[in-house]
Amino acid sequence: MTSLELAKEAAKKLNEKKGMDIRIIRVNDISSLADYFVFATGTSNTHVNALEDELEFHLKQIGITPHHIEGYRSNSWVLVDYGNVIVHIFTDESRKYYDLDRLWQDGEEIDTSFLK
């Protein structure tokens, strides 16, 4: 699975579980951290953790496990590192606070119309 396919698969799963404002940003031209970031917002702390749980479970079913998970106990933001794809799941308040959308605005936004 390519990095883009993995980012899209993560976005699809987050969308299925009612994640909001899902964005995929290609950052490999401006950073060595990853090829893609996926951003999503949950409606509550519980929803953020549920989104991460479902994403991790789904991807493990197809043989993809995260290298690292950060922030799960914070209940307001979770980072799931799949190597070339990093998934950020926030509450609305945390997403506004960290403002990663602005920080990575120089990255290329990938069309997510396939989520509709």
N, C-alpha and C. Protein backbone atom coordinates (compact mmCIF):
# COMPACT_ATOMS: atom_id res chain seq x y z
N MET A 1 0.85 -1.17 0.00
CA MET A 1 0.00 0.00 0.00
C MET A 1 0.90 1.24 0.00
N THR A 2 0.64 2.15 -0.91
CA THR A 2 1.42 3.39 -0.96
C THR A 2 1.02 4.30 0.19
N SER A 3 1.84 5.30 0.42
CA SER A 3 1.53 6.28 1.48
C SER A 3 0.20 6.98 1.21
N LEU A 4 -0.04 7.35 -0.03
CA LEU A 4 -1.30 8.03 -0.37
C LEU A 4 -2.48 7.10 -0.15
N GLU A 5 -2.35 5.84 -0.54
CA GLU A 5 -3.44 4.88 -0.32
C GLU A 5 -3.71 4.71 1.17
N LEU A 6 -2.66 4.67 1.97
CA LEU A 6 -2.84 4.54 3.42
C LEU A 6 -3.52 5.78 4.00
N ALA A 7 -3.11 6.96 3.55
CA ALA A 7 -3.74 8.19 4.03
C ALA A 7 -5.22 8.20 3.67
N LYS A 8 -5.54 7.78 2.46
CA LYS A 8 -6.95 7.75 2.03
C LYS A 8 -7.74 6.70 2.80
N GLU A 9 -7.13 5.56 3.08
CA GLU A 9 -7.81 4.51 3.84
C GLU A 9 -8.10 5.00 5.26
N ALA A 10 -7.13 5.68 5.86
CA ALA A 10 -7.34 6.26 7.20
C ALA A 10 -8.48 7.28 7.16
N ALA A 11 -8.47 8.14 6.16
CA ALA A 11 -9.51 9.15 6.04
C ALA A 11 -10.88 8.50 5.87
N LYS A 12 -10.96 7.45 5.07
CA LYS A 12 -12.24 6.75 4.87
C LYS A 12 -12.77 6.18 6.18
N LYS A 13 -11.89 5.55 6.96
CA LYS A 13 -12.32 4.96 8.22
C LYS A 13 -12.77 6.05 9.20
N LEU A 14 -12.03 7.13 9.28
CA LEU A 14 -12.41 8.24 10.16
C LEU A 14 -13.75 8.82 9.73
N ASN A 15 -13.97 8.92 8.45
CA ASN A 15 -15.23 9.43 7.92
C ASN A 15 -16.39 8.49 8.26
N GLU A 16 -16.17 7.19 8.11
CA GLU A 16 -17.20 6.19 8.45
C GLU A 16 -17.64 6.31 9.89
N LYS A 17 -16.72 6.67 10.75
CA LYS A 17 -16.99 6.76 12.19
C LYS A 17 -17.34 8.18 12.62
N LYS A 18 -17.77 8.98 11.64
CA LYS A 18 -18.29 10.33 11.89
C LYS A 18 -17.24 11.34 12.31
N GLY A 19 -15.96 11.09 11.92
CA GLY A 19 -14.96 12.13 12.09
C GLY A 19 -15.33 13.33 11.22
N MET A 20 -14.97 14.51 11.64
CA MET A 20 -15.36 15.72 10.92
C MET A 20 -14.13 16.46 10.40
N ASP A 21 -14.36 17.31 9.41
CA ASP A 21 -13.33 18.18 8.85
C ASP A 21 -12.04 17.41 8.56
N ILE A 22 -12.18 16.32 7.82
CA ILE A 22 -11.04 15.45 7.51
C ILE A 22 -10.25 16.05 6.36
N ARG A 23 -8.96 16.16 6.58
CA ARG A 23 -8.05 16.70 5.56
C ARG A 23 -6.85 15.79 5.41
N ILE A 24 -6.35 15.68 4.19
CA ILE A 24 -5.10 14.98 3.91
C ILE A 24 -4.16 16.02 3.30
N ILE A 25 -2.98 16.15 3.89
CA ILE A 25 -2.00 17.11 3.43
C ILE A 25 -0.71 16.36 3.07
N ARG A 26 -0.25 16.57 1.85
CA ARG A 26 1.04 15.98 1.44
C ARG A 26 2.14 16.93 1.91
N VAL A 27 3.05 16.40 2.74
CA VAL A 27 4.08 17.25 3.34
C VAL A 27 5.50 16.81 2.97
N ASN A 28 5.63 15.77 2.13
CA ASN A 28 6.97 15.24 1.87
C ASN A 28 7.88 16.23 1.13
N ASP A 29 7.32 17.23 0.47
CA ASP A 29 8.15 18.24 -0.18
C ASP A 29 8.65 19.31 0.78
N ILE A 30 8.03 19.41 1.95
CA ILE A 30 8.40 20.47 2.89
C ILE A 30 8.89 19.94 4.24
N SER A 31 8.85 18.61 4.42
CA SER A 31 9.26 18.03 5.69
C SER A 31 9.72 16.59 5.49
N SER A 32 10.63 16.16 6.33
CA SER A 32 11.06 14.77 6.29
C SER A 32 10.32 13.92 7.32
N LEU A 33 9.35 14.52 8.03
CA LEU A 33 8.60 13.80 9.06
C LEU A 33 7.74 12.68 8.49
N ALA A 34 7.11 12.94 7.35
CA ALA A 34 6.18 11.98 6.77
C ALA A 34 5.88 12.40 5.34
N ASP A 35 5.16 11.54 4.64
CA ASP A 35 4.67 11.90 3.30
C ASP A 35 3.34 12.64 3.40
N TYR A 36 2.48 12.17 4.32
CA TYR A 36 1.13 12.73 4.45
C TYR A 36 0.76 12.88 5.91
N PHE A 37 0.00 13.93 6.19
CA PHE A 37 -0.69 14.10 7.46
C PHE A 37 -2.18 13.96 7.17
N VAL A 38 -2.87 13.29 8.07
CA VAL A 38 -4.33 13.22 8.02
C VAL A 38 -4.83 13.90 9.28
N PHE A 39 -5.73 14.87 9.12
CA PHE A 39 -6.33 15.58 10.25
C PHE A 39 -7.80 15.24 10.31
N ALA A 40 -8.31 15.05 11.53
CA ALA A 40 -9.75 14.83 11.73
C ALA A 40 -10.14 15.39 13.09
N THR A 41 -11.41 15.74 13.21
CA THR A 41 -11.94 16.27 14.46
C THR A 41 -13.04 15.36 14.97
N GLY A 42 -12.99 15.06 16.27
CA GLY A 42 -14.05 14.31 16.93
C GLY A 42 -14.95 15.27 17.70
N THR A 43 -16.14 14.81 18.00
CA THR A 43 -17.13 15.67 18.65
C THR A 43 -16.92 15.78 20.16
N SER A 44 -16.13 14.89 20.73
CA SER A 44 -15.89 14.91 22.18
C SER A 44 -14.60 14.14 22.46
N ASN A 45 -14.16 14.17 23.71
CA ASN A 45 -12.97 13.41 24.11
C ASN A 45 -13.17 11.92 23.84
N THR A 46 -14.36 11.43 24.17
CA THR A 46 -14.68 10.02 23.97
C THR A 46 -14.65 9.68 22.48
N HIS A 47 -15.18 10.55 21.66
CA HIS A 47 -15.21 10.32 20.22
C HIS A 47 -13.80 10.30 19.64
N VAL A 48 -12.92 11.18 20.11
CA VAL A 48 -11.53 11.20 19.66
C VAL A 48 -10.88 9.83 19.90
N ASN A 49 -11.04 9.31 21.10
CA ASN A 49 -10.46 8.00 21.42
C ASN A 49 -11.12 6.87 20.62
N ALA A 50 -12.42 6.97 20.42
CA ALA A 50 -13.12 5.96 19.63
C ALA A 50 -12.65 5.97 18.17
N LEU A 51 -12.43 7.15 17.63
CA LEU A 51 -11.91 7.25 16.27
C LEU A 51 -10.54 6.58 16.17
N GLU A 52 -9.68 6.85 17.12
CA GLU A 52 -8.35 6.22 17.11
C GLU A 52 -8.46 4.72 17.25
N ASP A 53 -9.29 4.25 18.17
CA ASP A 53 -9.46 2.80 18.37
C ASP A 53 -9.93 2.12 17.10
N GLU A 54 -10.92 2.69 16.44
CA GLU A 54 -11.46 2.10 15.21
C GLU A 54 -10.44 2.13 14.08
N LEU A 55 -9.72 3.23 13.96
CA LEU A 55 -8.69 3.33 12.93
C LEU A 55 -7.61 2.28 13.14
N GLU A 56 -7.11 2.18 14.35
CA GLU A 56 -6.06 1.22 14.66
C GLU A 56 -6.55 -0.21 14.42
N PHE A 57 -7.77 -0.53 14.87
CA PHE A 57 -8.33 -1.87 14.68
C PHE A 57 -8.46 -2.20 13.20
N HIS A 58 -9.03 -1.27 12.44
CA HIS A 58 -9.25 -1.50 11.00
C HIS A 58 -7.93 -1.73 10.27
N LEU A 59 -6.95 -0.88 10.51
CA LEU A 59 -5.69 -1.02 9.79
C LEU A 59 -4.93 -2.27 10.21
N LYS A 60 -5.06 -2.68 11.47
CA LYS A 60 -4.43 -3.94 11.90
C LYS A 60 -5.03 -5.12 11.15
N GLN A 61 -6.33 -5.03 10.83
CA GLN A 61 -7.00 -6.10 10.08
C GLN A 61 -6.39 -6.30 8.70
N ILE A 62 -5.82 -5.26 8.15
CA ILE A 62 -5.19 -5.37 6.83
C ILE A 62 -3.66 -5.36 6.94
N GLY A 63 -3.16 -5.63 8.15
CA GLY A 63 -1.73 -5.84 8.36
C GLY A 63 -0.89 -4.59 8.58
N ILE A 64 -1.52 -3.48 8.93
CA ILE A 64 -0.78 -2.23 9.14
C ILE A 64 -0.89 -1.83 10.60
N THR A 65 0.24 -1.75 11.28
CA THR A 65 0.25 -1.38 12.69
C THR A 65 1.00 -0.06 12.87
N PRO A 66 0.58 0.73 13.83
CA PRO A 66 1.27 2.01 14.04
C PRO A 66 2.64 1.80 14.65
N HIS A 67 3.55 2.70 14.31
CA HIS A 67 4.88 2.70 14.94
C HIS A 67 4.79 3.28 16.35
N HIS A 68 3.87 4.24 16.50
CA HIS A 68 3.79 4.94 17.78
C HIS A 68 2.43 5.64 17.89
N ILE A 69 1.91 5.70 19.10
CA ILE A 69 0.68 6.44 19.38
C ILE A 69 0.98 7.39 20.53
N GLU A 70 0.59 8.63 20.36
CA GLU A 70 0.87 9.66 21.36
C GLU A 70 -0.42 10.39 21.72
N GLY A 71 -0.60 10.72 22.98
CA GLY A 71 -1.69 11.59 23.40
C GLY A 71 -3.00 10.90 23.73
N TYR A 72 -3.06 9.57 23.64
CA TYR A 72 -4.32 8.87 23.84
C TYR A 72 -4.96 9.21 25.19
N ARG A 73 -4.17 9.32 26.21
CA ARG A 73 -4.72 9.61 27.55
C ARG A 73 -5.12 11.06 27.72
N SER A 74 -4.70 11.91 26.80
CA SER A 74 -5.07 13.32 26.92
C SER A 74 -6.56 13.53 26.62
N ASN A 75 -7.14 12.59 25.87
CA ASN A 75 -8.56 12.63 25.50
C ASN A 75 -8.94 13.79 24.59
N SER A 76 -8.01 14.65 24.21
CA SER A 76 -8.37 15.76 23.35
C SER A 76 -7.58 15.79 22.04
N TRP A 77 -6.56 14.96 21.97
CA TRP A 77 -5.73 14.92 20.77
C TRP A 77 -4.97 13.59 20.77
N VAL A 78 -4.95 12.93 19.63
CA VAL A 78 -4.20 11.69 19.49
C VAL A 78 -3.42 11.75 18.19
N LEU A 79 -2.16 11.37 18.25
CA LEU A 79 -1.31 11.24 17.07
C LEU A 79 -1.04 9.77 16.87
N VAL A 80 -1.29 9.28 15.66
CA VAL A 80 -1.02 7.88 15.33
C VAL A 80 -0.01 7.89 14.18
N ASP A 81 1.19 7.38 14.46
CA ASP A 81 2.30 7.42 13.51
C ASP A 81 2.39 6.10 12.77
N TYR A 82 2.10 6.14 11.48
CA TYR A 82 2.23 4.97 10.61
C TYR A 82 3.46 5.09 9.72
N GLY A 83 4.45 5.83 10.16
CA GLY A 83 5.67 6.01 9.38
C GLY A 83 5.51 7.13 8.37
N ASN A 84 5.14 6.79 7.16
CA ASN A 84 4.99 7.79 6.11
C ASN A 84 3.66 8.54 6.18
N VAL A 85 2.77 8.09 7.05
CA VAL A 85 1.48 8.75 7.26
C VAL A 85 1.29 8.97 8.75
N ILE A 86 1.01 10.20 9.12
CA ILE A 86 0.74 10.52 10.53
C ILE A 86 -0.68 11.05 10.62
N VAL A 87 -1.46 10.43 11.49
CA VAL A 87 -2.86 10.79 11.66
C VAL A 87 -3.01 11.57 12.96
N HIS A 88 -3.64 12.74 12.87
CA HIS A 88 -3.92 13.59 14.03
C HIS A 88 -5.43 13.64 14.21
N ILE A 89 -5.90 13.28 15.39
CA ILE A 89 -7.33 13.33 15.70
C ILE A 89 -7.49 14.25 16.91
N PHE A 90 -8.33 15.26 16.76
CA PHE A 90 -8.47 16.30 17.78
C PHE A 90 -9.92 16.48 18.19
N THR A 91 -10.12 17.06 19.38
CA THR A 91 -11.39 17.73 19.66
C THR A 91 -11.33 19.05 18.91
N ASP A 92 -12.46 19.70 18.74
CA ASP A 92 -12.49 20.98 18.03
C ASP A 92 -11.60 22.01 18.74
N GLU A 93 -11.69 22.05 20.06
CA GLU A 93 -10.89 23.00 20.84
C GLU A 93 -9.39 22.76 20.65
N SER A 94 -8.97 21.50 20.70
CA SER A 94 -7.55 21.18 20.54
C SER A 94 -7.07 21.47 19.12
N ARG A 95 -7.92 21.21 18.15
CA ARG A 95 -7.52 21.48 16.76
C ARG A 95 -7.27 22.97 16.56
N LYS A 96 -8.13 23.78 17.14
CA LYS A 96 -7.94 25.23 17.06
C LYS A 96 -6.68 25.66 17.82
N TYR A 97 -6.44 25.06 18.97
CA TYR A 97 -5.29 25.42 19.79
C TYR A 97 -3.97 25.08 19.08
N TYR A 98 -3.83 23.85 18.59
CA TYR A 98 -2.59 23.42 17.94
C TYR A 98 -2.44 24.01 16.54
N ASP A 99 -3.56 24.25 15.87
CA ASP A 99 -3.60 24.92 14.57
C ASP A 99 -2.62 24.32 13.55
N LEU A 100 -2.57 23.00 13.48
CA LEU A 100 -1.69 22.33 12.53
C LEU A 100 -2.11 22.58 11.09
N ASP A 101 -3.39 22.86 10.89
CA ASP A 101 -3.85 23.18 9.54
C ASP A 101 -3.09 24.40 9.01
N ARG A 102 -2.92 25.40 9.83
CA ARG A 102 -2.18 26.60 9.43
C ARG A 102 -0.69 26.31 9.33
N LEU A 103 -0.17 25.57 10.30
CA LEU A 103 1.26 25.28 10.33
C LEU A 103 1.72 24.55 9.07
N TRP A 104 0.87 23.66 8.54
CA TRP A 104 1.23 22.87 7.37
C TRP A 104 0.53 23.35 6.10
N GLN A 105 0.12 24.62 6.08
CA GLN A 105 -0.62 25.16 4.94
C GLN A 105 0.19 25.17 3.64
N ASP A 106 1.51 25.07 3.74
CA ASP A 106 2.33 25.04 2.53
C ASP A 106 2.35 23.66 1.89
N GLY A 107 1.80 22.67 2.59
CA GLY A 107 1.69 21.33 2.01
C GLY A 107 0.58 21.30 0.97
N GLU A 108 0.58 20.26 0.16
CA GLU A 108 -0.44 20.11 -0.88
C GLU A 108 -1.67 19.41 -0.31
N GLU A 109 -2.81 20.07 -0.37
CA GLU A 109 -4.05 19.45 0.10
C GLU A 109 -4.53 18.43 -0.93
N ILE A 110 -4.82 17.24 -0.45
CA ILE A 110 -5.32 16.17 -1.32
C ILE A 110 -6.84 16.22 -1.33
N ASP A 111 -7.41 16.08 -2.50
CA ASP A 111 -8.86 16.10 -2.67
C ASP A 111 -9.50 14.97 -1.87
N THR A 112 -10.43 15.31 -1.00
CA THR A 112 -11.14 14.30 -0.20
C THR A 112 -12.59 14.16 -0.61
N SER A 113 -12.90 14.54 -1.84
CA SER A 113 -14.29 14.41 -2.30
C SER A 113 -14.75 12.95 -2.33
N PHE A 114 -13.80 12.00 -2.32
CA PHE A 114 -14.16 10.58 -2.27
C PHE A 114 -14.84 10.21 -0.95
N LEU A 115 -14.79 11.07 0.05
CA LEU A 115 -15.41 10.81 1.34
C LEU A 115 -16.89 11.12 1.35
N LYS A 116 -17.38 11.85 0.39
CA LYS A 116 -18.78 12.27 0.37
C LYS A 116 -19.70 11.12 0.09
